Protein backbone atom coordinates (compact mmCIF):
# COMPACT_ATOMS: atom_id res chain seq x y z
CA MET A 1 121.52 98.24 100.57
CA LYS A 2 118.68 99.94 98.75
CA LEU A 3 116.54 102.69 100.22
CA LYS A 4 113.16 103.54 98.66
CA ILE A 5 111.53 106.94 99.21
CA LEU A 6 107.84 106.27 99.89
CA TYR A 7 106.61 109.69 100.97
CA ASP A 8 108.03 113.15 100.31
CA ASN A 9 107.04 116.72 99.40
CA GLU A 10 108.11 115.98 95.83
CA ALA A 11 107.25 112.94 93.72
CA LYS A 12 108.36 111.33 90.50
CA ALA A 13 105.83 110.97 87.69
CA GLY A 14 103.25 108.36 88.61
CA PHE A 15 103.74 108.83 92.36
CA ARG A 16 101.93 111.01 94.88
CA SER A 17 103.55 113.78 96.92
CA GLY A 18 102.59 114.97 100.40
CA TRP A 19 104.04 117.03 103.22
CA GLY A 20 105.89 114.37 105.19
CA PHE A 21 108.47 111.64 104.93
CA SER A 22 108.76 107.87 104.83
CA CYS A 23 111.23 105.43 103.33
CA LEU A 24 111.89 101.70 103.22
CA VAL A 25 115.36 100.64 104.33
CA GLY A 26 116.27 97.33 102.78
CA GLU A 27 113.18 95.18 102.52
CA ASN A 28 112.11 94.97 106.13
CA LEU A 29 112.40 98.32 107.92
CA LEU A 30 109.88 101.11 107.41
CA PHE A 31 111.22 104.50 108.53
CA ASP A 32 108.36 106.87 109.44
CA THR A 33 104.96 106.68 107.77
CA GLY A 34 104.33 110.09 106.19
CA ALA A 35 101.25 112.17 106.89
CA ASP A 36 98.52 109.83 105.63
CA LEU A 37 98.03 106.15 104.96
CA GLU A 38 96.41 106.51 101.52
CA THR A 39 99.39 108.28 99.92
CA LEU A 40 101.85 105.96 101.64
CA LEU A 41 100.08 102.83 100.38
CA PHE A 42 99.72 104.21 96.87
CA ASN A 43 103.45 104.83 96.57
CA MET A 44 104.29 101.49 98.20
CA ARG A 45 102.23 99.70 95.57
CA ARG A 46 103.94 101.65 92.80
CA LEU A 47 107.32 100.54 94.14
CA ASN A 48 106.14 96.94 94.60
CA VAL A 49 106.89 96.99 98.32
CA LYS A 50 106.08 93.65 99.93
CA LEU A 51 104.18 94.41 103.14
CA ASP A 52 104.69 90.88 104.45
CA ARG A 53 108.46 91.44 104.51
CA ILE A 54 108.30 94.48 106.80
CA ASP A 55 108.94 93.45 110.39
CA LYS A 56 110.20 96.74 111.84
CA VAL A 57 108.72 100.24 111.87
CA PHE A 58 110.92 103.10 113.08
CA PHE A 59 109.33 106.39 114.16
CA SER A 60 111.80 109.29 114.24
CA HIS A 61 109.64 111.77 116.14
CA GLU A 62 106.03 112.35 117.04
CA HIS A 63 104.93 114.88 114.42
CA GLY A 64 101.91 114.22 112.22
CA ASP A 65 103.86 114.41 108.97
CA HIS A 66 105.97 111.45 110.15
CA ILE A 67 103.47 109.31 112.06
CA GLY A 68 100.23 110.14 110.21
CA GLY A 69 100.16 106.84 108.36
CA PHE A 70 100.92 104.72 111.43
CA GLN A 71 97.84 102.56 110.75
CA ILE A 72 100.05 100.74 108.23
CA VAL A 73 101.13 98.53 111.13
CA GLY A 74 97.70 96.91 111.05
CA LEU A 75 98.40 95.63 107.53
CA LEU A 76 101.70 94.02 108.49
CA GLY A 77 102.53 90.72 110.11
CA GLU A 78 104.30 90.50 113.45
CA VAL A 79 106.18 93.79 113.70
CA GLU A 80 108.41 95.69 116.12
CA ALA A 81 107.63 99.40 116.42
CA PHE A 82 110.54 101.52 117.64
CA VAL A 83 109.43 104.70 119.40
CA LEU A 84 111.08 107.10 121.81
CA ARG A 85 110.21 106.54 125.43
CA SER A 86 109.25 110.24 125.57
CA PHE A 87 106.49 109.80 122.96
CA SER A 88 102.99 110.46 124.25
CA LYS A 89 101.04 107.73 126.00
CA ARG A 90 98.26 108.34 123.50
CA PHE A 91 100.39 107.44 120.50
CA LYS A 92 102.06 104.48 122.19
CA SER A 93 98.64 103.18 123.20
CA ALA A 94 97.38 103.56 119.63
CA LEU A 95 100.26 101.42 118.38
CA SER A 96 99.86 98.89 121.17
CA SER A 97 96.19 98.45 120.30
CA TYR A 98 97.31 96.38 117.31
CA THR A 99 97.85 92.84 118.54
CA ASN A 100 100.62 92.20 116.00
CA VAL A 101 102.74 95.10 117.26
CA ARG A 102 105.55 94.69 119.74
CA LEU A 103 106.38 98.15 121.11
CA ARG A 104 110.09 98.92 121.60
CA GLU A 105 110.69 102.07 123.64
CA VAL A 106 114.05 103.72 122.99
CA SER A 107 116.02 106.23 125.02
CA LYS A 108 119.66 105.27 124.40
CA PRO A 109 121.61 104.20 121.31
CA GLN A 110 121.20 100.52 120.53
CA GLU A 111 121.34 97.99 117.72
CA ILE A 112 117.84 97.23 116.48
CA SER A 113 118.76 94.84 113.68
CA ALA A 114 121.95 93.45 112.15
CA GLY A 115 123.95 96.50 111.06
CA MET A 116 121.21 98.97 111.99
CA PHE A 117 121.27 101.24 115.03
CA THR A 118 119.17 103.98 116.57
CA THR A 119 120.97 107.09 117.77
CA GLY A 120 118.67 107.03 120.76
CA GLU A 121 116.85 110.13 121.92
CA GLN A 122 118.47 113.37 120.81
CA GLY A 123 117.43 117.00 121.10
CA PHE A 124 115.81 119.14 123.77
CA PHE A 125 112.51 120.76 122.77
CA ILE A 126 111.74 118.22 120.04
CA LYS A 127 113.00 114.73 120.79
CA GLU A 128 114.08 112.68 117.80
CA GLN A 129 115.92 109.49 116.89
CA SER A 130 117.77 108.81 113.65
CA LEU A 131 118.73 105.53 112.02
CA ILE A 132 122.34 104.48 111.41
CA VAL A 133 122.94 101.84 108.74
CA LYS A 134 126.27 100.06 108.32
CA THR A 135 127.19 98.96 104.81
CA ASP A 136 130.41 98.11 102.97
CA ARG A 137 130.60 101.74 101.89
CA GLY A 138 130.52 103.08 105.44
CA ILE A 139 127.81 104.56 107.63
CA SER A 140 124.62 105.98 106.16
CA VAL A 141 122.28 108.04 108.33
CA VAL A 142 118.52 108.31 107.80
CA THR A 143 116.89 111.31 109.46
CA GLY A 144 113.31 112.40 110.00
CA CYS A 145 113.55 116.19 110.35
CA SER A 146 116.95 116.58 112.06
CA HIS A 147 115.44 118.77 114.77
CA PRO A 148 118.44 118.10 117.08
CA GLY A 149 120.73 119.56 114.36
CA LEU A 150 122.11 117.57 111.43
CA GLU A 151 125.71 118.36 112.31
CA LYS A 152 125.15 116.89 115.78
CA ILE A 153 123.48 113.79 114.36
CA LEU A 154 126.35 113.23 111.90
CA GLY A 155 128.89 113.84 114.64
CA PHE A 156 127.29 111.16 116.77
CA ALA A 157 126.98 108.73 113.86
CA SER A 158 130.68 109.09 113.09
CA ARG A 159 131.38 107.10 116.27
CA PHE A 160 130.10 104.07 114.38
CA GLY A 161 132.44 104.58 111.40
CA ASN A 162 133.07 106.82 108.42
CA VAL A 163 129.88 108.63 107.34
CA TYR A 164 129.26 107.75 103.70
CA GLY A 165 125.73 109.05 103.27
CA VAL A 166 122.83 110.97 104.79
CA VAL A 167 119.22 110.81 103.62
CA GLY A 168 116.14 112.54 105.01
CA GLY A 169 114.84 115.85 106.25
CA PHE A 170 117.52 118.38 107.26
CA HIS A 171 115.08 121.10 108.45
CA GLY A 172 116.87 124.43 109.12
CA PHE A 173 120.38 122.98 108.87
CA HIS A 174 122.74 125.73 107.72
CA LYS A 175 126.27 124.56 108.60
CA LEU A 176 126.65 123.15 105.11
CA GLU A 177 130.39 122.63 105.48
CA ALA A 178 129.53 119.70 107.78
CA LEU A 179 128.54 117.79 104.62
CA ARG A 180 132.00 118.09 103.10
CA GLY A 181 133.40 114.61 102.50
CA VAL A 182 130.00 112.90 102.60
CA LYS A 183 129.70 110.88 99.39
CA LEU A 184 125.90 110.62 99.29
CA ILE A 185 123.68 113.56 100.27
CA VAL A 186 119.92 113.29 99.79
CA PRO A 187 118.06 116.29 101.31
CA CYS A 188 114.33 115.51 101.54
CA HIS A 189 111.03 116.76 102.94
CA CYS A 190 111.56 119.76 105.25
CA THR A 191 115.08 120.77 104.16
CA VAL A 192 115.10 124.57 104.01
CA ARG A 193 118.35 124.90 102.06
CA LYS A 194 117.77 122.02 99.64
CA ARG A 195 118.58 124.00 96.50
CA GLU A 196 121.75 125.41 98.05
CA ILE A 197 122.93 121.95 99.12
CA LEU A 198 122.29 120.49 95.65
CA THR A 199 124.24 123.37 94.08
CA LEU A 200 127.12 123.25 96.55
CA TYR A 201 127.58 119.47 96.32
CA PRO A 202 126.60 118.59 92.73
CA ASP A 203 128.71 115.42 92.57
CA SER A 204 127.42 113.84 95.77
CA SER A 205 123.86 115.13 96.20
CA ILE A 206 120.66 113.59 94.77
CA ARG A 207 117.26 115.24 94.54
CA CYS A 208 114.76 113.46 96.77
CA SER A 209 111.24 112.54 95.68
CA ALA A 210 108.71 109.81 96.31
CA GLY A 211 109.54 106.95 93.98
CA CYS A 212 113.32 107.36 94.21
CA GLU A 213 115.47 104.29 94.86
CA ILE A 214 118.87 105.01 96.38
CA GLU A 215 121.81 102.71 97.01
CA VAL A 216 123.35 103.48 100.42
């Protein structure tokens, strides 16, 4: 399955960067929406993303750099929007105001599509959900900012099978030994120790930037 980075702090030539994160998982699931719609749409066009194929939008947590481009839902067809039940009423109402949006409130782990699962709500001060994707290679995890702790997210994901890859923001994650054995490591967006991770795991890590296409 291919994953396309649509929004990130860094960008390949010809793409726009911005403080935030978004990626397309397969052809139909949009994970987060970055900080603004304009940048998101620009990069989507550059990657030839077909908006009419997206039928699921997954919001990891309610921070502006991950939900800022949420108005993208208005440009899609019938779509399911997966949010945490603990998200604000204001944001859930904003999503629900689009008649094509079917709001799915999440609190516990569940399958949201064939081979795709949400971890459910994790964390204490900042609630977050991550995406688990099953492929022939094993389990790949897509994270927003990993506020609950990347090692905890990976530990939970391992219940679904062997963790092959992890892509997304790792925030202040510092227990780098937890990545040992992971075949695909793509630290994005808010990862504090990005350079250290890329140096420590040169054979398995990939530099993240808007415009990247990654096989998971």
